């Protein structure tokens, strides 16, 4: 599948996705768009195409699919343009900032045979898949609680990430990573949610740090923290009736992140999965699926289910800010 990137200046595109596109047996990487000639020269090889505008990229009949790493508030508009131009789309997370945007996407997809999926690379990593499958099998008993963290100091911190009207804030930006294990094991409909956040200053404040506690039926619960302004943490801790499952570097794992521990009464066992670059795993599975006319594992239904909870938490936190 011939793929081009809409936004060569994106950091995640440059360090993660573009190298994976170049290596993938399912992809012929054509090039990408940027208004900066210097960026194009820095990112692209002499054989790859610099499209000066998004429109020129979409007008190229050789492009089968696009990767869209634009700021969060631009996703729907540019995704619509890509679909109308007959391209498949791999769109950065979070895909949308409102559930109504998913409804608009469904309308667009009803009139095309093109496919769309969210670029959530952690869901493709073999270790996280194996650990969650192990817990969901019930081999360690029912889940009692889940704690997740995706926190660190984001440098530079600015632009759309500090504007709530553009999908800024730690929750919308990286909350998908923290919520994914919770939703996978406990579902997306807690019966009660509590939030506490540290907010930025300015006309459209965002959460610099977000903490949320989720209560589920059956006495299970979950707690997560996301942040742009703290020490580094990507921890996952799952407590079941019979064991404690722990993993680090859960959100941005690499090829060397292959193990997790399971502590039971009097014993700690280390399990191991195959090591893999999560961007490569995502690109390969997505474009293999697109080539066969089907959605990958992280499909739109899964994306929307998690997004509804993410947006519910965000609305609750924003309402508490307004009240204060």
Protein backbone atom coordinates (compact mmCIF):
# COMPACT_ATOMS: atom_id res chain seq x y z
CA UNK A 1 0.00 0.00 0.00
CA UNK A 2 1.43 3.37 -1.05
CA UNK A 3 1.43 5.73 1.94
CA UNK A 4 2.20 9.43 2.43
CA UNK A 5 2.42 11.48 5.63
CA UNK A 6 0.36 14.64 6.15
CA UNK A 7 2.66 16.64 8.41
CA UNK A 8 6.37 15.84 8.20
CA UNK A 9 7.12 18.23 11.07
CA UNK A 10 5.41 15.96 13.60
CA UNK A 11 7.83 14.53 16.15
CA UNK A 12 6.07 11.18 16.41
CA UNK A 13 5.99 10.91 12.63
CA UNK A 14 9.71 11.56 12.34
CA UNK A 15 10.96 9.33 15.17
CA UNK A 16 8.39 6.53 15.12
CA UNK A 17 5.98 6.19 12.23
CA UNK A 18 8.03 7.19 9.18
CA UNK A 19 10.89 4.76 10.01
CA UNK A 20 8.28 2.03 10.50
CA UNK A 21 6.63 2.88 7.17
CA UNK A 22 9.98 2.61 5.41
CA UNK A 23 10.66 -0.83 6.93
CA UNK A 24 7.20 -2.34 6.53
CA UNK A 25 6.72 -5.08 3.93
CA UNK A 26 3.12 -3.85 3.54
CA UNK A 27 4.04 -0.28 2.65
CA UNK A 28 5.70 1.74 -0.07
CA UNK A 29 6.47 5.08 1.60
CA UNK A 30 6.03 7.85 -0.98
CA UNK A 31 6.79 10.98 1.04
CA UNK A 32 4.80 13.69 2.75
CA UNK A 33 3.68 17.27 3.07
CA UNK A 34 5.12 20.23 4.92
CA UNK A 35 5.26 23.95 4.21
CA UNK A 36 8.91 23.96 5.25
CA UNK A 37 11.43 23.07 2.56
CA UNK A 38 14.05 22.66 5.29
CA UNK A 39 11.90 20.11 7.11
CA UNK A 40 11.26 18.20 3.90
CA UNK A 41 14.99 18.11 3.14
CA UNK A 42 15.74 16.92 6.67
CA UNK A 43 13.09 14.18 6.78
CA UNK A 44 12.82 12.86 3.24
CA UNK A 45 15.32 11.07 1.06
CA UNK A 46 16.05 12.26 -2.47
CA UNK A 47 13.76 9.51 -3.84
CA UNK A 48 10.79 10.52 -1.68
CA UNK A 49 8.26 13.17 -2.67
CA UNK A 50 7.81 16.53 -0.95
CA UNK A 51 4.19 17.55 -1.43
CA UNK A 52 4.00 21.33 -0.81
CA UNK A 53 0.33 21.23 0.23
CA UNK A 54 -2.19 18.78 1.64
CA UNK A 55 -4.27 19.22 -1.50
CA UNK A 56 -1.38 18.25 -3.78
CA UNK A 57 -0.81 15.10 -1.74
CA UNK A 58 -4.47 14.11 -1.90
CA UNK A 59 -4.56 14.80 -5.63
CA UNK A 60 -1.82 12.24 -6.28
CA UNK A 61 -3.54 9.06 -7.56
CA UNK A 62 -0.51 7.02 -6.49
CA UNK A 63 -1.30 7.65 -2.80
CA UNK A 64 -3.46 4.85 -1.40
CA UNK A 65 -3.39 5.90 2.25
CA UNK A 66 -2.30 8.75 4.49
CA UNK A 67 -0.94 8.99 8.01
CA UNK A 68 -2.39 12.06 9.75
CA UNK A 69 -0.32 13.39 12.70
CA UNK A 70 -1.83 16.89 12.82
CA UNK A 71 -2.97 18.70 16.02
CA UNK A 72 -6.03 17.14 17.66
CA UNK A 73 -8.56 19.78 16.62
CA UNK A 74 -7.73 19.37 12.91
CA UNK A 75 -8.29 15.62 12.67
CA UNK A 76 -11.92 15.54 11.56
CA UNK A 77 -11.62 18.19 8.84
CA UNK A 78 -8.49 16.71 7.28
CA UNK A 79 -9.70 13.15 7.67
CA UNK A 80 -12.86 14.09 5.76
CA UNK A 81 -10.75 15.55 2.94
CA UNK A 82 -8.71 12.36 2.76
CA UNK A 83 -11.78 10.12 2.59
CA UNK A 84 -13.39 12.27 -0.09
CA UNK A 85 -10.15 11.93 -2.05
CA UNK A 86 -10.39 8.14 -1.78
CA UNK A 87 -7.58 7.53 0.71
CA UNK A 88 -7.40 5.17 3.68
CA UNK A 89 -6.39 6.98 6.90
CA UNK A 90 -4.23 6.19 9.91
CA UNK A 91 -5.03 9.12 12.26
CA UNK A 92 -3.09 10.11 15.37
CA UNK A 93 -4.70 9.84 18.76
CA UNK A 94 -6.92 11.15 20.14
CA UNK A 95 -8.83 10.81 16.92
CA UNK A 96 -11.62 13.22 17.91
CA UNK A 97 -12.62 15.67 20.63
CA UNK A 98 -16.35 14.84 20.71
CA UNK A 99 -18.46 11.72 20.32
CA UNK A 100 -20.44 13.52 17.62
CA UNK A 101 -17.26 13.51 15.51
CA UNK A 102 -17.39 9.70 15.49
CA UNK A 103 -20.98 9.94 14.23
CA UNK A 104 -19.80 12.23 11.45
CA UNK A 105 -17.07 9.74 10.57
CA UNK A 106 -19.62 6.92 10.40
CA UNK A 107 -21.62 9.00 7.92
CA UNK A 108 -18.52 9.56 5.80
CA UNK A 109 -17.56 5.89 5.87
CA UNK A 110 -21.05 4.83 4.82
CA UNK A 111 -20.38 6.40 1.44
CA UNK A 112 -16.94 4.92 0.78
CA UNK A 113 -15.01 1.66 0.91
CA UNK A 114 -12.03 3.40 2.53
CA UNK A 115 -10.88 2.46 6.05
CA UNK A 116 -9.88 4.59 9.05
CA UNK A 117 -8.16 3.69 12.29
CA UNK A 118 -6.51 5.45 15.21
CA UNK A 119 -2.72 5.38 15.57
CA UNK A 120 -2.57 3.89 19.07
CA UNK A 121 0.72 2.01 18.93
CA UNK A 122 0.79 0.66 22.52
CA UNK A 123 -2.19 -1.60 21.83
CA UNK A 124 -0.06 -3.50 19.31
CA UNK A 125 2.92 -4.20 21.60
CA UNK A 126 3.29 -7.96 22.25
CA UNK A 127 4.08 -7.62 25.97
CA UNK A 128 1.01 -5.55 26.86
CA UNK A 129 -1.21 -7.78 24.75
CA UNK A 130 0.13 -10.90 26.44
CA UNK A 131 -0.18 -9.53 29.98
CA UNK A 132 -3.74 -8.26 29.50
CA UNK A 133 -4.75 -11.54 27.87
CA UNK A 134 -3.27 -13.42 30.82
CA UNK A 135 -5.26 -11.38 33.34
CA UNK A 136 -8.50 -11.40 31.33
CA UNK A 137 -8.33 -15.21 31.10
CA UNK A 138 -9.06 -15.34 34.83
CA UNK A 139 -5.98 -17.39 35.69
CA UNK A 140 -5.24 -15.06 38.62
CA UNK A 141 -8.84 -14.50 39.70
CA UNK A 142 -11.06 -11.46 39.35
CA UNK A 143 -9.57 -8.00 38.97
CA UNK A 144 -9.83 -5.90 42.13
CA UNK A 145 -8.01 -2.72 41.12
CA UNK A 146 -5.87 -1.23 38.37
CA UNK A 147 -3.41 1.64 38.70
CA UNK A 148 -1.85 3.26 35.65
CA UNK A 149 0.38 6.28 35.07
CA UNK A 150 1.64 8.14 32.06
CA UNK A 151 3.48 11.17 33.39
CA UNK A 152 6.59 13.16 32.61
CA UNK A 153 7.89 16.61 31.80
CA UNK A 154 6.92 17.67 28.28
CA UNK A 155 9.50 19.97 26.69
CA UNK A 156 8.61 22.21 24.99
CA UNK A 157 5.16 22.62 26.46
CA UNK A 158 3.10 24.94 24.30
CA UNK A 159 0.93 25.30 21.23
CA UNK A 160 -2.33 23.37 21.04
CA UNK A 161 -1.39 21.27 24.09
CA UNK A 162 -2.03 24.35 26.27
CA UNK A 163 -5.37 25.25 24.65
CA UNK A 164 -8.49 23.39 25.80
CA UNK A 165 -10.41 24.45 22.69
CA UNK A 166 -7.88 22.55 20.55
CA UNK A 167 -7.82 19.32 22.54
CA UNK A 168 -4.97 20.27 24.83
CA UNK A 169 -4.18 18.92 28.29
CA UNK A 170 -2.53 15.75 29.54
CA UNK A 171 -5.79 13.77 29.71
CA UNK A 172 -6.79 14.21 26.06
CA UNK A 173 -3.22 14.00 24.82
CA UNK A 174 -2.03 10.84 26.61
CA UNK A 175 -5.03 9.61 28.60
CA UNK A 176 -5.66 6.84 26.06
CA UNK A 177 -2.49 5.11 27.29
CA UNK A 178 -3.58 5.23 30.90
CA UNK A 179 -7.15 4.15 30.18
CA UNK A 180 -6.43 1.32 27.77
CA UNK A 181 -5.58 -1.39 30.37
CA UNK A 182 -8.50 -0.23 32.53
CA UNK A 183 -11.04 -0.39 29.71
CA UNK A 184 -9.61 -3.68 28.45
CA UNK A 185 -10.13 -5.40 31.80
CA UNK A 186 -12.98 -3.51 33.49
CA UNK A 187 -14.89 -1.92 30.63
CA UNK A 188 -15.69 1.67 29.67
CA UNK A 189 -18.65 2.35 31.96
CA UNK A 190 -17.68 2.96 35.59
CA UNK A 191 -20.68 3.88 37.69
CA UNK A 192 -18.84 6.73 39.43
CA UNK A 193 -15.85 8.95 38.61
CA UNK A 194 -13.88 11.37 40.75
CA UNK A 195 -11.31 13.73 39.24
CA UNK A 196 -8.65 16.10 40.55
CA UNK A 197 -6.44 18.21 38.30
CA UNK A 198 -3.74 20.86 38.32
CA UNK A 199 -4.65 23.47 35.72
CA UNK A 200 -2.63 25.81 33.53
CA UNK A 201 -3.19 29.57 33.50
CA UNK A 202 -4.69 31.47 30.62
CA UNK A 203 -7.95 31.96 28.76
CA UNK A 204 -8.39 28.28 27.90
CA UNK A 205 -6.76 26.34 30.77
CA UNK A 206 -5.85 22.68 30.41
CA UNK A 207 -5.03 19.98 32.90
CA UNK A 208 -1.26 19.84 33.40
CA UNK A 209 -1.81 16.88 35.72
CA UNK A 210 -4.98 14.78 35.90
CA UNK A 211 -5.90 12.17 38.49
CA UNK A 212 -9.07 10.12 38.29
CA UNK A 213 -10.65 7.39 40.37
CA UNK A 214 -13.13 5.06 38.66
CA UNK A 215 -15.58 2.81 40.52
CA UNK A 216 -17.00 -0.28 38.78
CA UNK A 217 -19.75 -2.72 39.66
CA UNK A 218 -18.58 -5.70 41.68
CA UNK A 219 -16.29 -3.61 43.93
CA UNK A 220 -13.56 -3.22 41.31
CA UNK A 221 -11.86 0.12 40.86
CA UNK A 222 -9.17 1.93 38.94
CA UNK A 223 -6.96 4.95 39.39
CA UNK A 224 -4.82 6.75 36.84
CA UNK A 225 -2.57 9.79 36.59
CA UNK A 226 -1.51 11.69 33.49
CA UNK A 227 0.82 14.68 33.51
CA UNK A 228 2.95 17.03 31.46
CA UNK A 229 4.87 18.44 34.46
CA UNK A 230 6.07 15.63 36.72
CA UNK A 231 8.73 12.98 36.98
CA UNK A 232 8.72 10.14 34.48
CA UNK A 233 6.34 7.24 35.12
CA UNK A 234 4.69 4.67 32.85
CA UNK A 235 3.60 2.16 35.47
CA UNK A 236 0.88 -0.48 35.36
CA UNK A 237 -0.19 -2.36 38.49
CA UNK A 238 -3.09 -4.81 38.45
CA UNK A 239 -4.35 -6.34 41.70
CA UNK A 240 -6.46 -9.49 41.37
CA UNK A 241 -7.86 -11.88 43.99
CA UNK A 242 -4.76 -14.04 43.71
CA UNK A 243 -1.91 -11.94 42.34
CA UNK A 244 -0.29 -8.58 41.68
CA UNK A 245 0.77 -7.95 38.08
CA UNK A 246 3.29 -5.16 37.45
CA UNK A 247 4.86 -3.65 34.34
CA UNK A 248 6.93 -0.54 33.60
CA UNK A 249 7.31 1.48 30.39
CA UNK A 250 3.81 0.40 29.51
CA UNK A 251 2.91 3.42 27.37
CA UNK A 252 5.93 3.85 25.10
CA UNK A 253 7.62 0.44 25.17
CA UNK A 254 10.56 -0.51 22.98
CA UNK A 255 12.04 -3.69 21.59
CA UNK A 256 13.78 -4.42 24.89
CA UNK A 257 10.62 -4.11 27.00
CA UNK A 258 9.61 -7.75 27.10
CA UNK A 259 8.94 -8.73 30.74
CA UNK A 260 6.36 -8.27 33.48
CA UNK A 261 6.06 -9.76 36.96
CA UNK A 262 3.29 -11.67 38.67
CA UNK A 263 3.48 -11.94 42.45
CA UNK A 264 1.35 -14.59 44.16
CA UNK A 265 1.53 -15.95 47.71
CA UNK A 266 5.21 -16.55 48.35
CA UNK A 267 6.31 -16.42 44.70
CA UNK A 268 7.24 -13.83 42.09
CA UNK A 269 7.32 -15.05 38.49
CA UNK A 270 8.74 -13.08 35.57
CA UNK A 271 6.96 -13.61 32.25
CA UNK A 272 8.39 -12.65 28.87
CA UNK A 273 6.94 -11.80 25.47
CA UNK A 274 8.54 -11.17 22.11
CA UNK A 275 10.26 -7.80 21.85
CA UNK A 276 9.05 -5.46 19.11
CA UNK A 277 9.01 -1.82 18.12
CA UNK A 278 5.35 -0.83 18.75
CA UNK A 279 5.32 1.58 15.82
CA UNK A 280 6.44 -1.23 13.54
CA UNK A 281 3.84 -3.59 14.99
CA UNK A 282 1.14 -0.97 14.44
CA UNK A 283 2.16 -0.01 10.90
CA UNK A 284 2.49 -3.63 9.78
CA UNK A 285 -0.87 -4.73 11.19
CA UNK A 286 -2.76 -1.61 10.07
CA UNK A 287 -1.61 -1.69 6.48
CA UNK A 288 -1.87 -5.45 6.19
CA UNK A 289 -5.49 -5.11 7.35
CA UNK A 290 -6.15 -2.18 5.00
CA UNK A 291 -4.64 -4.18 2.13
CA UNK A 292 -7.17 -6.93 2.82
CA UNK A 293 -10.07 -4.50 3.16
CA UNK A 294 -10.60 -4.87 6.91
CA UNK A 295 -9.96 -3.00 10.15
CA UNK A 296 -6.97 -3.80 12.38
CA UNK A 297 -7.26 -4.96 16.00
CA UNK A 298 -7.57 -1.40 17.31
CA UNK A 299 -10.71 -0.71 15.31
CA UNK A 300 -13.15 2.19 15.35
CA UNK A 301 -15.53 0.48 17.78
CA UNK A 302 -12.73 0.01 20.35
CA UNK A 303 -11.48 3.54 19.73
CA UNK A 304 -14.92 5.07 20.25
CA UNK A 305 -15.62 3.03 23.37
CA UNK A 306 -12.47 4.30 25.07
CA UNK A 307 -12.96 7.83 23.74
CA UNK A 308 -16.42 8.07 25.29
CA UNK A 309 -14.94 7.39 28.72
CA UNK A 310 -12.04 9.75 28.10
CA UNK A 311 -14.42 12.55 27.11
CA UNK A 312 -16.72 11.79 30.05
CA UNK A 313 -13.79 12.21 32.45
CA UNK A 314 -12.69 15.39 30.70
CA UNK A 315 -16.18 16.91 30.87
CA UNK A 316 -16.41 16.09 34.57
CA UNK A 317 -13.04 17.69 35.28
CA UNK A 318 -13.88 20.77 33.20
CA UNK A 319 -17.20 21.21 35.03
CA UNK A 320 -15.42 21.17 38.39
CA UNK A 321 -13.03 23.84 37.11
CA UNK A 322 -15.96 26.01 36.00
CA UNK A 323 -17.64 25.63 39.39
CA UNK A 324 -14.52 26.82 41.20
